[in-house]
Amino acid sequence: MEMIVKKEDVKTIKSDVLIYATTEEELKKVDTRFEKILINIVGSGDFTGEFNKVHMLYPKDMITSGRILLLGLGKQDELNLERIRRAFATAVQSLASINIKNIAVYYSKLKNNKMHESDIVTCALEGILLGNYRFSKYVTELRERIKIDLQKITIIEEEQSQVRLLQEVADKVKIICENVNFTRNLVNESGNITHPQMLEETAKKFAKEYGFKFKVLHEKELKELGMNLLLAVGKGSIYSSRLIILEFDNNKSSNEHVVLIGKGITFDTGGLNLKPSVGIVDMRSDMAGAATVLGMLKTASELKIKKNIAVLIPTCENMIGPNAYKPGDIIKSYSGKTVEVVDTDAEGRLILADAITYAVKHLKPTVVLDFATLTGSIMRTFGGFVTGLFSNNDSLAGKIFNAGENTYERVWRMPVYDEYKELMKSDVSDLKNISKEEYAGAITGAAFLEAFVDKIKWAHFDIGGSAWFDKQRFYVPKGGTGIGIRLFVELIKTL
């Protein structure tokens, strides 16, 4: 898809549709270039600039193809970047039923607001590119158009001095949003397609394309190392467990190493503690952490981020069968700590524990960030609107919080007090994989992971609610959300 920022008279720009974004106050002033077109609209009250409202016009005196989509941004003093994202998502979604391939965007009056123009362009494009996403790979007979076959976006900029800067901004946003949508596709993919072997092949393809170091530990190597937790979870599947390792060394003069770990349970039945039928149908999404860290590394490479970043993906299926691990099993982890399996559906923390230990022992990380659809408990706290954050470092947690606020991929830090750590101690082993207490499941899950971190700066993102939506919300679709990619781009600058 082509993305262009250009200086041109808004009345002569050629596009299938011109999106004219305006606040309520600016609409009333009536841009002189559009006076003949807008004066009747303003007078009639058919369109007032109310937030998230759209109105299509077909003016005869336009030199373009003749369509203007008026987009309401609401009251000037209530306008913020998130509202811009949501409004432009509404705009592009309202055009889905129309056969168009290119759009132009005009927003010049927004410059009077306190927001930087580069941020306005960023959020407008994020709304368009993320809001135009649909996973329709397996729909063979579309009853109606559900997205635009978008081939070109033109941003109209009235100051020539800004064109180059805003073009750089647009190019960056395009990369980021394409990788958010890549992550969404991977999470949405059918469970009979996405399995540990497929994740390995995907990672290997990226390694070849982007020049990453690539390594996979299969069953033999995992046994030799003693990564018994990862092996145990995958015992019920026809696909063997594996640990995928990718390394992107793009700042060899630095000793800083960021390690990203993503939970890669490609399907989760719950094991012998079988999930109910209502909860099992979407469990192909339990590898959202793995998809997220792959998307992050792909983004870092394409943006040429000057950081040393490694990705670890412990991956397997949590299935039932004669070889499946059992409640009551006691397993020695790669760290040497023994773990009592109280519930086979608390499997994600087991495979992450061995992966975290591998990172600490072999990759010399300065920061470890893990992403996992770890608990349903986090949904009871935040729904899908916020990601649960757990960290052993105040400074790191603060940077993550700020990155979340700036991108609206919000996080909220939860405590991991000693009392919660006590709940994860077992009578028959060093740890147990789930507390027998009824409450605080997300916190005790994080407390379990922290036992394997050693003294490394660490943060755990419980994306159990935010990685998958049951219905569309503005620019975030039903299904895989791609949460975390935009936050990561903002965060990595500070690490």
Foldseek 3Di string as FASTA:
>chain_A
DAEAEDADDPLQDAFPEEEEQDELVVLVVPDPVCCVPRVVCCVVVVDRLAQLDWDWFQDPPRNYPGIYIYFRLYHLVPHDLQSLLLRLLSVQQVCQQPAGAEYEYDYVVNVVHPDDPLSSLLSNVNSNLLSQDDPCPPPPDDPGGRGYNYDYYYYHDNDPVCRVVSVVSVVLSVLLSVLLNQLQNQLPDDLVQDFPVNLLVVVVVCCVVLVWDKDKAWDVNCVVLQQVLLQQQFQADPDGKMKIKTKDQQAVVDPAEEEEEFEAACAEQQEPLGDDPVPRPSRNNQRSQVSLVVSQVSSCRVVSPRHIYMYMYTHHHRYYDPRHDDQQDWGQHSVRFIEHENTSSQSRLSSLLNVLLCCVVPVVHQEYEYEGLRDPQVCVVPAQQEWEKEWPDPVLVVLLQVLCVVVSNHYDYDDQDVVLLVQQQDPVTRGYSAGPDPHDGVNNNVSSSVVRNPPHTYMYINNNRNQAACQDDRSAGHGGRSRDNSSSVSRVVPD
